[in-house]
Amino acid sequence: MIFAGVSFYIAASICVYVFKAEIKPRQWIIEHFTSMVGTGIAVYTAFFAAGGRRFISELLPEQWMMLTWLAAPVIGVGAIILFKGHFQRKYKVKTKQDSPLQHA
C-alpha cells in the first residue's frame, strides 16, 4: 500500500502540472526534481527486492528484510518534501495548492 500511495501521489502531481493553465517560472525545476526522486524510489526498491536481496540477507536477519523495502520510499518522500519546500522558497514558486489530491 505504501508504494501505491507514493505512485498515485507522484502521478497526480505530474498530471496537475501538465494540465495546469499557467506555469510559474522555474516551477519545472521543482517538478523535475520530484520526478527524479520518484524514479530513484522505484529503482532502489526494485534493487532491494530482486538483486540486492541476496547481498542484504547476509547482513540483516530475515525479520529486517522489510526495512530495505521501506527505506527507499521513506527516505525518498522525505527528500521530496524537504527539497520541494526549499526550492519553492529559493525560486519564490509558491503554488496555490500544495497537494495534487486537492484537485483530483
Protein backbone atom coordinates (compact mmCIF):
# COMPACT_ATOMS: atom_id res chain seq x y z
CA MET A 1 0.00 0.00 0.00
CA ILE A 2 2.90 2.37 0.63
CA PHE A 3 4.19 2.04 -2.92
CA ALA A 4 0.73 2.52 -4.41
CA GLY A 5 0.22 5.67 -2.36
CA VAL A 6 3.58 7.14 -3.36
CA SER A 7 2.99 6.25 -7.02
CA PHE A 8 -0.50 7.76 -7.01
CA TYR A 9 0.72 10.97 -5.39
CA ILE A 10 3.57 11.42 -7.89
CA ALA A 11 1.34 10.60 -10.87
CA ALA A 12 -1.33 13.02 -9.64
CA SER A 13 1.21 15.81 -9.14
CA ILE A 14 2.57 15.28 -12.66
CA CYS A 15 -0.97 15.41 -14.11
CA VAL A 16 -1.77 18.60 -12.21
CA TYR A 17 1.46 20.16 -13.54
CA VAL A 18 0.93 19.03 -17.14
CA PHE A 19 -2.67 20.24 -17.37
CA LYS A 20 -2.11 23.49 -15.48
CA ALA A 21 -3.19 26.57 -17.45
CA GLU A 22 -0.36 28.76 -16.11
CA ILE A 23 3.09 27.58 -15.06
CA LYS A 24 5.29 29.85 -12.99
CA PRO A 25 8.93 30.46 -13.98
CA ARG A 26 11.30 27.77 -12.63
CA GLN A 27 8.42 25.61 -11.45
CA TRP A 28 9.66 22.96 -13.89
CA ILE A 29 12.78 22.54 -11.74
CA ILE A 30 10.66 21.52 -8.77
CA GLU A 31 8.60 19.08 -10.84
CA HIS A 32 11.73 17.66 -12.46
CA PHE A 33 13.37 17.07 -9.08
CA THR A 34 10.23 15.42 -7.71
CA SER A 35 10.10 13.06 -10.70
CA MET A 36 13.80 12.23 -10.38
CA VAL A 37 13.42 11.28 -6.72
CA GLY A 38 10.30 9.25 -7.57
CA THR A 39 12.30 7.34 -10.15
CA GLY A 40 15.04 6.79 -7.59
CA ILE A 41 12.49 5.32 -5.17
CA ALA A 42 11.40 2.84 -7.86
CA VAL A 43 14.97 1.87 -8.78
CA TYR A 44 16.16 1.32 -5.22
CA THR A 45 13.03 -0.60 -4.29
CA ALA A 46 13.47 -2.86 -7.34
CA PHE A 47 17.13 -3.40 -6.47
CA PHE A 48 16.40 -4.38 -2.88
CA ALA A 49 13.50 -6.61 -3.98
CA ALA A 50 15.48 -8.54 -6.60
CA GLY A 51 19.26 -8.26 -6.92
CA GLY A 52 20.17 -6.80 -3.58
CA ARG A 53 18.11 -9.32 -1.65
CA ARG A 54 20.94 -11.89 -1.56
CA PHE A 55 23.52 -9.32 -0.55
CA ILE A 56 21.36 -7.78 2.16
CA SER A 57 20.27 -11.17 3.53
CA GLU A 58 23.89 -11.79 4.54
CA LEU A 59 23.95 -8.53 6.52
CA LEU A 60 20.47 -8.45 8.05
CA PRO A 61 18.36 -11.14 9.69
CA GLU A 62 15.25 -12.18 7.79
CA GLN A 63 12.91 -10.20 10.03
CA TRP A 64 14.67 -6.97 8.99
CA MET A 65 14.38 -7.51 5.21
CA MET A 66 11.20 -5.40 5.09
CA LEU A 67 13.31 -2.47 6.29
CA THR A 68 15.20 -2.45 2.98
CA TRP A 69 11.90 -2.23 1.07
CA LEU A 70 10.58 0.60 3.22
CA ALA A 71 13.80 2.63 3.38
CA ALA A 72 13.60 3.90 -0.21
CA PRO A 73 10.05 5.34 -0.05
CA VAL A 74 10.51 6.78 3.43
CA ILE A 75 13.80 8.50 2.54
CA GLY A 76 12.55 9.49 -0.92
CA VAL A 77 9.26 11.02 0.23
CA GLY A 78 11.13 12.86 2.98
CA ALA A 79 13.58 14.21 0.41
CA ILE A 80 10.73 15.30 -1.87
CA ILE A 81 9.01 17.18 0.96
CA LEU A 82 12.20 18.89 2.15
CA PHE A 83 13.66 19.82 -1.22
CA LYS A 84 10.31 20.86 -2.71
CA GLY A 85 9.85 23.32 0.15
CA HIS A 86 13.46 24.51 -0.21
CA PHE A 87 13.17 25.16 -3.95
CA GLN A 88 9.75 26.81 -3.59
CA ARG A 89 11.29 29.29 -1.16
CA LYS A 90 14.51 29.71 -3.16
CA TYR A 91 12.80 30.35 -6.51
CA LYS A 92 9.74 32.01 -4.94
CA VAL A 93 7.44 29.49 -6.61
CA LYS A 94 4.60 29.05 -4.17
CA THR A 95 1.70 27.25 -5.76
CA LYS A 96 -1.89 27.80 -4.68
CA GLN A 97 -2.36 24.11 -4.00
CA ASP A 98 0.29 22.13 -2.16
CA SER A 99 -1.24 18.75 -2.84
CA PRO A 100 -2.36 17.34 -6.18
CA LEU A 101 -5.02 15.36 -4.32
CA GLN A 102 -7.00 18.56 -3.68
CA HIS A 103 -7.89 18.78 -7.38
CA ALA A 104 -8.09 15.07 -8.19
